[in-house]
Amino acid sequence: MKKKLAALLSLLLLCGCSGEEEQVFSLTVEEQQAYTETINDVMEEFYWDYDKASLTFGGATVPENAEENARLFAASETCEYPLKNKAGQEAVLAQASLLHYNGDAAGMLQCWFVDGALAGVAYSGGYDKAYYSLKERNPFVADGAFQAYETWTGMEAGFTEGSGEFSPEGIYSTGKDADGNPLAVSIQNGAAAVYRYNGGLSRYRNFSYGNGLEATSAVFLDGKEERLAVLVSSIEESGESDAEKTYSRAERIMLYDENLQVTGEIPLEGELCTAIGAEKDVLYLFDDQDVDIYEKKEDGWGRTGSRKLKHSVSQFHVTDLDGNGVMEYLMTDGMDLYLYHNTGGSFRKIWSTHLGVENFYGPITSGDLNGDGVKEIYACDTTATTIRYVLTEKGLQTENEDIDYGQCIYPCDFDGNGKTDYWLVQDNIDRLGQLYLAVGEE
């Protein structure tokens, strides 16, 4: 008997003013189990998890079909549950803390049941705490105040094949030489390889650093005295066969001028320095979860500040996605992709994925390959296949329908005509590629 009474956990009795007990809402344990099984099936279908201990049931009325409820109905309709058809009806509302597979909090899950069947599902989250479809996995966590969003319908047809060679490892940064020719730097076999377009794309410089030393990151600056910075690390291998491991220790940052001649170096002591990046003449060094800021003063380059992140950084890219003059800071730790804004005193996270497993390989790039004025983001996964992210009102979303397995797209204005070109790697075996140049306005 005690077990049976304990099972009726959701029986809720309220006493009215007359002293009579009025049953407001009740579920049997069998009903709870049936609803929970349905919720579990929905979570599995849409690749979500939820905090089982937070699950609650309550009596509710489906909201009226009014403008203020349009987003809830639209979110549910996207998952093929037309909750709007049940507007005004009595329902059972199940709520729980929605979780990504890696355990990150996503918001509050809502499942609406009418006459014992699931009638609607959505979650509230994001910076606006509004309703989202379960198909919308990564809403903005802060308001980025973007002025435009992507209108992706596919890449433009206005590209011509160009001649050249380029690294299959991708573009770490872009810049210009003393004559204004476009440059792109890549990391290949421990060397910093600089490519230049001058009627064709070809390798222009190759910086290697001797036995046991390798270039591990590189970035172009805006200055003349220091135009290129390369992070140089020592490499030590130990173990045998499958147990072999590679350790690296950041030794220094090498600096080169607009003619790519050495101008100096910044000695380093951090063992976990994994990447460098820059905005104009400010240099960022990523040391585990710390961001060290370097600037050049009268007495040379020195650290002028630091910031803290909640993750490490293996790749870093600065761009203005929507053209509003505010730079976006894109980062990855190899597992997730992050978008930040620089608020002056800290990096403010605007958006991120929530994968929690090794997923990204190589540098992050961006470019406008459909000519709508908004840049897309391009990053390779661990299969050496490009993932394209586009800017939408509800977060970054993937658009990969035109990208085959093993294909890589590296956008860059290689020829300097103001329109984004791209280098296309066709497969992940021989890694051969082809240059495609955007046709400029006549």
Protein backbone atom coordinates (compact mmCIF):
# COMPACT_ATOMS: atom_id res chain seq x y z
CA MET A 1 0.00 0.00 0.00
CA LYS A 2 2.83 2.42 0.87
CA LYS A 3 4.47 1.73 -2.50
CA LYS A 4 1.22 2.44 -4.34
CA LEU A 5 0.67 5.69 -2.46
CA ALA A 6 4.25 6.81 -3.08
CA ALA A 7 3.79 6.18 -6.80
CA LEU A 8 1.08 8.84 -7.04
CA LEU A 9 3.74 11.54 -6.89
CA SER A 10 1.96 14.05 -9.05
CA LEU A 11 -1.37 14.09 -7.23
CA LEU A 12 -2.00 17.74 -6.39
CA LEU A 13 -4.91 18.73 -4.14
CA LEU A 14 -5.79 22.31 -3.34
CA CYS A 15 -8.25 23.40 -0.68
CA GLY A 16 -10.81 26.03 -1.66
CA CYS A 17 -12.23 28.73 0.56
CA SER A 18 -15.29 26.60 1.34
CA GLY A 19 -13.09 23.95 2.92
CA GLU A 20 -13.96 21.42 0.23
CA GLU A 21 -11.05 19.69 -1.52
CA GLU A 22 -10.92 20.29 -5.25
CA GLN A 23 -8.81 17.99 -7.44
CA VAL A 24 -6.83 20.22 -9.76
CA PHE A 25 -4.38 17.87 -11.43
CA SER A 26 -3.41 14.25 -11.08
CA LEU A 27 -1.44 11.61 -12.98
CA THR A 28 -1.07 7.95 -12.22
CA VAL A 29 2.38 6.41 -12.27
CA GLU A 30 1.42 4.59 -15.47
CA GLU A 31 0.53 7.89 -17.15
CA GLN A 32 3.79 9.43 -16.02
CA GLN A 33 5.72 6.50 -17.43
CA ALA A 34 3.91 6.71 -20.76
CA TYR A 35 4.57 10.45 -21.06
CA THR A 36 8.22 9.97 -20.05
CA GLU A 37 8.71 7.28 -22.68
CA THR A 38 7.29 9.61 -25.33
CA ILE A 39 9.63 12.39 -24.21
CA ASN A 40 12.60 10.01 -24.34
CA ASP A 41 11.65 9.01 -27.90
CA VAL A 42 11.45 12.67 -28.97
CA MET A 43 14.83 13.41 -27.39
CA GLU A 44 16.38 10.49 -29.25
CA GLU A 45 14.75 11.50 -32.54
CA PHE A 46 16.15 15.04 -32.39
CA TYR A 47 19.49 14.16 -30.71
CA TRP A 48 18.97 15.86 -27.37
CA ASP A 49 19.24 14.89 -23.72
CA TYR A 50 17.52 16.27 -20.65
CA ASP A 51 17.93 16.28 -16.89
CA LYS A 52 15.69 13.41 -15.76
CA ALA A 53 15.59 14.69 -12.18
CA SER A 54 14.18 18.04 -13.33
CA LEU A 55 11.16 16.59 -15.16
CA THR A 56 7.82 17.89 -13.88
CA PHE A 57 4.22 17.51 -15.00
CA GLY A 58 1.39 19.97 -14.56
CA GLY A 59 -2.05 20.85 -15.78
CA ALA A 60 -2.15 23.62 -18.37
CA THR A 61 -4.10 25.15 -21.22
CA VAL A 62 -2.59 25.34 -24.70
CA PRO A 63 -2.08 29.06 -25.43
CA GLU A 64 -4.52 30.86 -27.69
CA ASN A 65 -3.69 31.34 -31.37
CA ALA A 66 -2.40 34.89 -30.96
CA GLU A 67 0.60 36.80 -32.21
CA GLU A 68 2.44 36.57 -28.89
CA ASN A 69 2.34 32.77 -29.13
CA ALA A 70 3.35 32.53 -32.79
CA ARG A 71 6.94 31.57 -32.03
CA LEU A 72 5.91 28.66 -29.81
CA PHE A 73 3.58 27.32 -32.48
CA ALA A 74 6.14 27.79 -35.25
CA ALA A 75 8.83 25.99 -33.25
CA SER A 76 6.53 23.04 -32.64
CA GLU A 77 5.29 22.98 -36.24
CA THR A 78 8.89 22.68 -37.48
CA CYS A 79 9.11 19.36 -35.65
CA GLU A 80 5.78 18.29 -37.23
CA TYR A 81 3.70 18.83 -34.11
CA PRO A 82 0.99 21.40 -35.03
CA LEU A 83 0.29 22.62 -31.51
CA LYS A 84 -1.65 25.57 -32.92
CA ASN A 85 -4.46 23.15 -33.83
CA LYS A 86 -4.94 22.48 -30.10
CA ALA A 87 -5.06 26.13 -29.05
CA GLY A 88 -7.23 26.70 -25.97
CA GLN A 89 -7.54 23.01 -25.08
CA GLU A 90 -6.72 21.47 -21.73
CA ALA A 91 -3.32 19.80 -21.67
CA VAL A 92 -0.59 18.19 -19.60
CA LEU A 93 2.59 20.24 -19.75
CA ALA A 94 5.87 18.40 -19.12
CA GLN A 95 8.94 20.55 -18.49
CA ALA A 96 12.60 19.71 -17.93
CA SER A 97 16.07 21.18 -18.28
CA LEU A 98 17.18 20.51 -21.86
CA LEU A 99 20.78 19.37 -22.32
CA HIS A 100 23.14 18.99 -25.25
CA TYR A 101 24.78 15.59 -25.56
CA ASN A 102 27.94 16.93 -23.92
CA GLY A 103 25.94 18.07 -20.88
CA ASP A 104 25.81 21.81 -21.67
CA ALA A 105 22.56 23.49 -20.66
CA ALA A 106 20.34 24.50 -23.59
CA GLY A 107 17.19 25.86 -21.97
CA MET A 108 13.81 24.62 -20.79
CA LEU A 109 12.09 21.81 -22.66
CA GLN A 110 8.30 21.92 -23.03
CA CYS A 111 6.21 18.96 -24.17
CA TRP A 112 2.46 19.50 -24.51
CA PHE A 113 0.15 16.49 -24.26
CA VAL A 114 -3.52 16.66 -25.26
CA ASP A 115 -5.81 13.66 -24.76
CA GLY A 116 -2.79 11.55 -23.86
CA ALA A 117 -0.87 12.24 -27.08
CA LEU A 118 2.07 14.56 -27.72
CA ALA A 119 0.64 17.67 -29.38
CA GLY A 120 3.56 20.09 -29.22
CA VAL A 121 7.24 20.34 -28.37
CA ALA A 122 9.69 23.26 -28.17
CA TYR A 123 12.25 24.74 -25.83
CA SER A 124 12.89 28.22 -24.47
CA GLY A 125 16.50 29.41 -24.49
CA GLY A 126 19.05 31.65 -26.14
CA TYR A 127 19.77 35.20 -25.09
CA ASP A 128 16.11 36.17 -25.57
CA LYS A 129 14.68 33.17 -23.66
CA ALA A 130 12.26 32.74 -26.55
CA TYR A 131 10.94 29.53 -28.11
CA TYR A 132 13.10 27.45 -30.44
CA SER A 133 12.53 24.30 -32.43
CA LEU A 134 14.40 21.18 -31.39
CA LYS A 135 16.00 21.41 -34.85
CA GLU A 136 17.61 24.72 -33.83
CA ARG A 137 20.53 23.41 -31.85
CA ASN A 138 22.66 26.46 -31.11
CA PRO A 139 20.85 29.77 -30.67
CA PHE A 140 22.78 32.92 -29.82
CA VAL A 141 23.68 33.06 -26.14
CA ALA A 142 24.10 36.84 -26.30
CA ASP A 143 22.76 39.53 -28.62
CA GLY A 144 25.32 40.18 -31.35
CA ALA A 145 23.37 43.17 -32.75
CA PHE A 146 24.04 41.99 -36.30
CA GLN A 147 22.82 44.30 -39.06
CA ALA A 148 22.36 41.63 -41.74
CA TYR A 149 21.97 37.87 -42.05
CA GLU A 150 22.82 35.26 -44.64
CA THR A 151 20.50 34.64 -47.61
CA TRP A 152 22.14 31.41 -48.67
CA THR A 153 20.81 29.85 -51.88
CA GLY A 154 24.11 28.43 -53.08
CA MET A 155 27.43 29.72 -54.35
CA GLU A 156 27.52 32.26 -57.16
CA ALA A 157 28.13 30.97 -60.68
CA GLY A 158 30.48 33.83 -61.50
CA PHE A 159 33.80 32.08 -60.93
CA THR A 160 36.53 31.31 -63.44
CA GLU A 161 39.30 28.76 -63.07
CA GLY A 162 42.67 30.25 -62.23
CA SER A 163 46.18 28.85 -62.24
CA GLY A 164 48.19 28.12 -59.16
CA GLU A 165 49.25 25.89 -56.31
CA PHE A 166 48.22 26.13 -52.70
CA SER A 167 48.46 24.29 -49.41
CA PRO A 168 45.89 21.57 -48.73
CA GLU A 169 46.18 22.49 -45.04
CA GLY A 170 44.22 25.73 -45.38
CA ILE A 171 44.68 29.44 -44.76
CA TYR A 172 45.83 30.64 -41.35
CA SER A 173 45.83 34.32 -42.22
CA THR A 174 45.90 36.76 -45.14
CA GLY A 175 47.86 39.94 -45.77
CA LYS A 176 49.80 41.89 -48.41
CA ASP A 177 53.44 42.33 -49.33
CA ALA A 178 55.26 45.63 -49.79
CA ASP A 179 53.87 45.97 -53.32
CA GLY A 180 50.28 45.30 -52.28
CA ASN A 181 50.12 41.76 -53.66
CA PRO A 182 47.76 39.47 -51.72
CA LEU A 183 49.45 36.94 -49.42
CA ALA A 184 48.16 33.89 -47.57
CA VAL A 185 50.06 31.87 -44.99
CA SER A 186 49.67 28.18 -44.23
CA ILE A 187 51.44 25.66 -41.97
CA GLN A 188 52.93 22.69 -43.81
CA ASN A 189 55.18 20.02 -42.33
CA GLY A 190 56.31 22.34 -39.56
CA ALA A 191 57.08 25.28 -41.86
CA ALA A 192 55.24 28.56 -42.43
CA ALA A 193 54.45 28.61 -46.15
CA VAL A 194 53.52 32.01 -47.63
CA TYR A 195 51.66 32.08 -50.94
CA ARG A 196 51.32 35.09 -53.23
CA TYR A 197 49.02 35.89 -56.13
CA ASN A 198 50.76 37.66 -59.01
CA GLY A 199 48.97 36.59 -62.16
CA GLY A 200 48.83 33.12 -60.59
CA LEU A 201 48.94 31.62 -57.12
CA SER A 202 52.26 30.13 -56.01
CA ARG A 203 54.46 29.62 -52.98
CA TYR A 204 56.39 32.80 -52.26
CA ARG A 205 58.32 32.09 -49.04
CA ASN A 206 58.90 29.06 -46.82
CA PHE A 207 60.09 29.55 -43.23
CA SER A 208 61.44 26.51 -41.41
CA TYR A 209 63.19 26.54 -38.05
CA GLY A 210 65.60 23.61 -37.79
CA ASN A 211 65.54 20.26 -36.06
CA GLY A 212 63.02 19.95 -33.27
CA LEU A 213 61.38 23.31 -34.03
CA GLU A 214 58.17 23.80 -35.98
CA ALA A 215 55.83 26.61 -36.93
CA THR A 216 52.52 25.90 -35.19
CA SER A 217 50.52 29.06 -35.94
CA ALA A 218 50.86 32.24 -37.99
CA VAL A 219 49.06 35.54 -38.50
CA PHE A 220 49.48 38.73 -40.54
CA LEU A 221 49.59 42.14 -38.84
CA ASP A 222 48.78 45.55 -40.29
CA GLY A 223 52.13 47.15 -39.55
CA LYS A 224 55.08 47.66 -41.89
CA GLU A 225 57.87 46.88 -39.45
CA GLU A 226 56.02 43.74 -38.32
CA ARG A 227 53.82 42.29 -41.05
CA LEU A 228 53.87 38.56 -40.21
CA ALA A 229 54.09 36.71 -36.87
CA VAL A 230 54.85 32.99 -36.59
CA LEU A 231 54.54 30.91 -33.43
CA VAL A 232 57.52 28.54 -33.18
CA SER A 233 57.38 25.51 -30.89
CA SER A 234 59.76 22.71 -29.95
CA ILE A 235 58.54 19.21 -30.73
CA GLU A 236 59.42 16.14 -28.71
CA GLU A 237 58.28 12.63 -29.60
CA SER A 238 58.20 9.76 -27.13
CA GLY A 239 56.71 6.27 -26.94
CA GLU A 240 56.45 3.62 -29.59
CA SER A 241 53.96 2.72 -32.34
CA ASP A 242 50.36 3.44 -31.29
CA ALA A 243 51.54 4.78 -27.95
CA GLU A 244 53.65 7.47 -29.61
CA LYS A 245 52.80 10.95 -28.43
CA THR A 246 53.95 14.39 -29.51
CA TYR A 247 54.57 17.16 -27.02
CA SER A 248 55.15 20.79 -27.95
CA ARG A 249 56.48 23.78 -26.06
CA ALA A 250 56.14 27.31 -27.39
CA GLU A 251 59.60 28.84 -27.74
CA ARG A 252 59.10 32.23 -29.44
CA ILE A 253 57.11 34.33 -31.87
CA MET A 254 59.12 35.25 -34.97
CA LEU A 255 58.37 38.64 -36.56
CA TYR A 256 58.77 39.59 -40.25
CA ASP A 257 58.37 42.90 -42.09
CA GLU A 258 56.46 43.68 -45.31
CA ASN A 259 59.34 42.20 -47.33
CA LEU A 260 59.15 39.09 -45.11
CA GLN A 261 62.54 39.77 -43.59
CA VAL A 262 63.11 38.95 -39.92
CA THR A 263 62.72 41.98 -37.66
CA GLY A 264 62.88 40.30 -34.26
CA GLU A 265 61.25 37.82 -31.96
CA ILE A 266 59.20 37.58 -28.77
CA PRO A 267 60.57 34.92 -26.38
CA LEU A 268 57.95 32.76 -24.68
CA GLU A 269 57.81 30.63 -21.56
CA GLY A 270 54.35 29.06 -21.73
CA GLU A 271 54.28 25.33 -22.37
CA LEU A 272 50.65 25.25 -23.52
CA CYS A 273 50.71 28.06 -26.11
CA THR A 274 48.68 26.70 -29.00
CA ALA A 275 47.86 29.59 -31.34
CA ILE A 276 48.36 33.26 -32.14
CA GLY A 277 45.97 35.76 -33.70
CA ALA A 278 45.78 39.46 -34.35
CA GLU A 279 43.50 42.41 -34.87
CA LYS A 280 45.37 45.24 -36.59
CA ASP A 281 48.58 45.60 -34.54
CA VAL A 282 47.40 43.81 -31.41
CA LEU A 283 48.76 40.29 -31.09
CA TYR A 284 46.94 37.56 -29.13
CA LEU A 285 48.74 34.53 -27.74
CA PHE A 286 46.54 31.64 -26.58
CA ASP A 287 48.11 29.82 -23.65
CA ASP A 288 45.74 27.07 -22.46
CA GLN A 289 42.67 29.06 -21.27
CA ASP A 290 44.55 32.36 -21.00
CA VAL A 291 44.74 35.00 -23.74
CA ASP A 292 47.90 37.09 -23.48
CA ILE A 293 47.81 40.44 -25.28
CA TYR A 294 51.00 41.81 -26.86
CA GLU A 295 51.52 45.30 -28.25
CA LYS A 296 54.56 47.14 -29.52
CA LYS A 297 55.79 50.04 -27.42
CA GLU A 298 58.87 52.26 -27.75
CA ASP A 299 61.04 49.67 -26.08
CA GLY A 300 59.68 46.78 -28.18
CA TRP A 301 56.97 44.19 -27.96
CA GLY A 302 55.58 43.35 -24.54
CA ARG A 303 52.58 41.81 -22.84
CA THR A 304 50.04 44.52 -21.99
CA GLY A 305 47.19 42.43 -20.61
CA SER A 306 45.47 39.09 -20.43
CA ARG A 307 41.99 37.62 -20.57
CA LYS A 308 40.45 34.37 -19.46
CA LEU A 309 38.41 31.86 -21.42
CA LYS A 310 36.65 28.67 -20.34
CA HIS A 311 38.31 26.62 -23.07
CA SER A 312 41.62 26.34 -24.87
CA VAL A 313 42.13 27.63 -28.43
CA SER A 314 43.77 25.74 -31.27
CA GLN A 315 42.67 28.08 -34.09
CA PHE A 316 41.64 31.75 -34.17
CA HIS A 317 40.13 33.93 -36.88
CA VAL A 318 38.99 37.58 -36.86
CA THR A 319 36.41 38.81 -39.37
CA ASP A 320 33.41 41.11 -39.77
CA LEU A 321 30.62 38.75 -40.81
CA ASP A 322 27.82 41.24 -41.40
CA GLY A 323 29.77 44.36 -42.38
CA ASN A 324 28.66 46.49 -39.43
CA GLY A 325 32.21 47.39 -38.40
CA VAL A 326 32.19 45.13 -35.33
CA MET A 327 34.71 42.31 -35.60
CA GLU A 328 33.74 38.74 -34.83
CA TYR A 329 36.29 36.53 -33.08
CA LEU A 330 35.99 32.90 -34.13
CA MET A 331 37.81 30.22 -32.14
CA THR A 332 37.93 26.46 -31.79
CA ASP A 333 39.50 24.13 -29.26
CA GLY A 334 39.24 21.27 -31.73
CA MET A 335 35.93 20.18 -30.25
CA ASP A 336 33.61 23.19 -30.50
CA LEU A 337 33.37 26.37 -32.54
CA TYR A 338 32.93 29.66 -30.67
CA LEU A 339 31.99 33.20 -31.72
CA TYR A 340 32.96 36.14 -29.49
CA HIS A 341 32.85 39.92 -29.55
CA ASN A 342 35.65 42.01 -28.07
CA THR A 343 34.02 44.28 -25.50
CA GLY A 344 37.27 46.05 -24.64
CA GLY A 345 37.73 44.37 -21.29
CA SER A 346 36.84 40.80 -22.16
CA PHE A 347 35.69 38.44 -24.88
CA ARG A 348 31.88 38.18 -24.81
CA LYS A 349 30.59 34.86 -26.08
CA ILE A 350 27.81 35.27 -28.64
CA TRP A 351 27.43 31.69 -29.86
CA SER A 352 28.98 28.23 -29.74
CA THR A 353 28.42 24.63 -30.70
CA HIS A 354 28.10 22.02 -27.96
CA LEU A 355 29.82 18.92 -29.30
CA GLY A 356 32.40 18.13 -26.65
CA VAL A 357 34.31 15.68 -28.90
CA GLU A 358 37.17 16.10 -31.38
CA ASN A 359 35.56 17.56 -34.48
CA PHE A 360 37.52 20.44 -36.02
CA TYR A 361 40.83 20.21 -37.82
CA GLY A 362 42.90 23.02 -39.29
CA PRO A 363 42.29 26.77 -39.52
CA ILE A 364 39.02 28.71 -39.66
CA THR A 365 38.33 30.98 -42.64
CA SER A 366 35.48 33.20 -43.82
CA GLY A 367 34.31 34.69 -47.08
CA ASP A 368 31.26 35.80 -49.06
CA LEU A 369 30.91 33.19 -51.79
CA ASN A 370 27.34 34.01 -52.76
CA GLY A 371 27.73 37.78 -52.98
CA ASP A 372 24.97 38.73 -50.53
CA GLY A 373 27.24 40.94 -48.42
CA VAL A 374 27.38 38.54 -45.45
CA LYS A 375 30.36 36.24 -44.98
CA GLU A 376 30.09 32.52 -44.37
CA ILE A 377 32.42 30.59 -42.05
CA TYR A 378 34.41 27.62 -43.32
CA ALA A 379 36.07 25.04 -41.05
CA CYS A 380 37.18 21.47 -41.70
CA ASP A 381 36.13 18.51 -39.59
CA THR A 382 38.39 15.60 -38.72
CA THR A 383 37.53 13.85 -42.02
CA ALA A 384 39.08 16.82 -43.89
CA THR A 385 35.65 17.91 -45.13
CA THR A 386 34.57 21.54 -44.95
CA ILE A 387 31.68 22.55 -42.71
CA ARG A 388 30.04 25.80 -43.81
CA TYR A 389 28.31 27.92 -41.17
CA VAL A 390 25.97 30.78 -42.12
CA LEU A 391 24.73 33.67 -39.99
CA THR A 392 20.99 33.52 -39.21
CA GLU A 393 18.75 35.38 -36.79
CA LYS A 394 18.72 32.39 -34.46
CA GLY A 395 22.41 31.48 -34.54
CA LEU A 396 24.96 30.01 -36.91
CA GLN A 397 23.63 27.10 -38.95
CA THR A 398 25.31 24.63 -41.29
CA GLU A 399 24.76 24.71 -45.07
CA ASN A 400 26.63 21.76 -46.54
CA GLU A 401 24.35 20.40 -49.24
CA ASP A 402 26.81 21.28 -52.04
CA ILE A 403 29.94 19.99 -50.25
CA ASP A 404 30.89 16.36 -50.83
CA TYR A 405 32.86 14.16 -48.46
CA GLY A 406 36.55 15.05 -48.60
CA GLN A 407 36.03 18.46 -50.23
CA CYS A 408 37.60 21.54 -48.66
CA ILE A 409 36.77 25.15 -49.48
CA TYR A 410 39.26 27.87 -48.53
CA PRO A 411 37.84 31.35 -49.30
CA CYS A 412 40.16 34.31 -49.83
CA ASP A 413 40.41 37.33 -52.12
CA PHE A 414 43.47 35.80 -53.76
CA ASP A 415 43.70 38.27 -56.66
CA GLY A 416 42.84 41.39 -54.65
CA ASN A 417 39.84 42.56 -56.72
CA GLY A 418 37.58 42.93 -53.71
CA LYS A 419 35.54 39.77 -54.35
CA THR A 420 36.02 36.47 -52.55
CA ASP A 421 37.76 33.71 -54.50
CA TYR A 422 38.29 30.18 -53.21
CA TRP A 423 40.64 27.23 -53.38
CA LEU A 424 38.78 23.93 -53.73
CA VAL A 425 40.30 20.61 -52.65
CA GLN A 426 38.35 17.85 -54.36
CA ASP A 427 39.15 14.84 -52.19
CA ASN A 428 40.93 13.84 -49.00
CA ILE A 429 43.37 11.35 -50.56
CA ASP A 430 45.68 13.18 -52.98
CA ARG A 431 44.56 16.64 -51.68
CA LEU A 432 44.89 18.27 -55.12
CA GLY A 433 43.04 21.53 -55.56
CA GLN A 434 41.93 24.19 -58.01
CA LEU A 435 41.75 27.97 -57.80
CA TYR A 436 38.43 29.66 -58.60
CA LEU A 437 38.44 33.42 -59.07
CA ALA A 438 35.36 35.58 -58.58
CA VAL A 439 34.61 37.75 -61.58
CA GLY A 440 34.83 41.43 -60.66
CA GLU A 441 32.39 44.10 -61.81
CA GLU A 442 33.18 45.51 -65.25
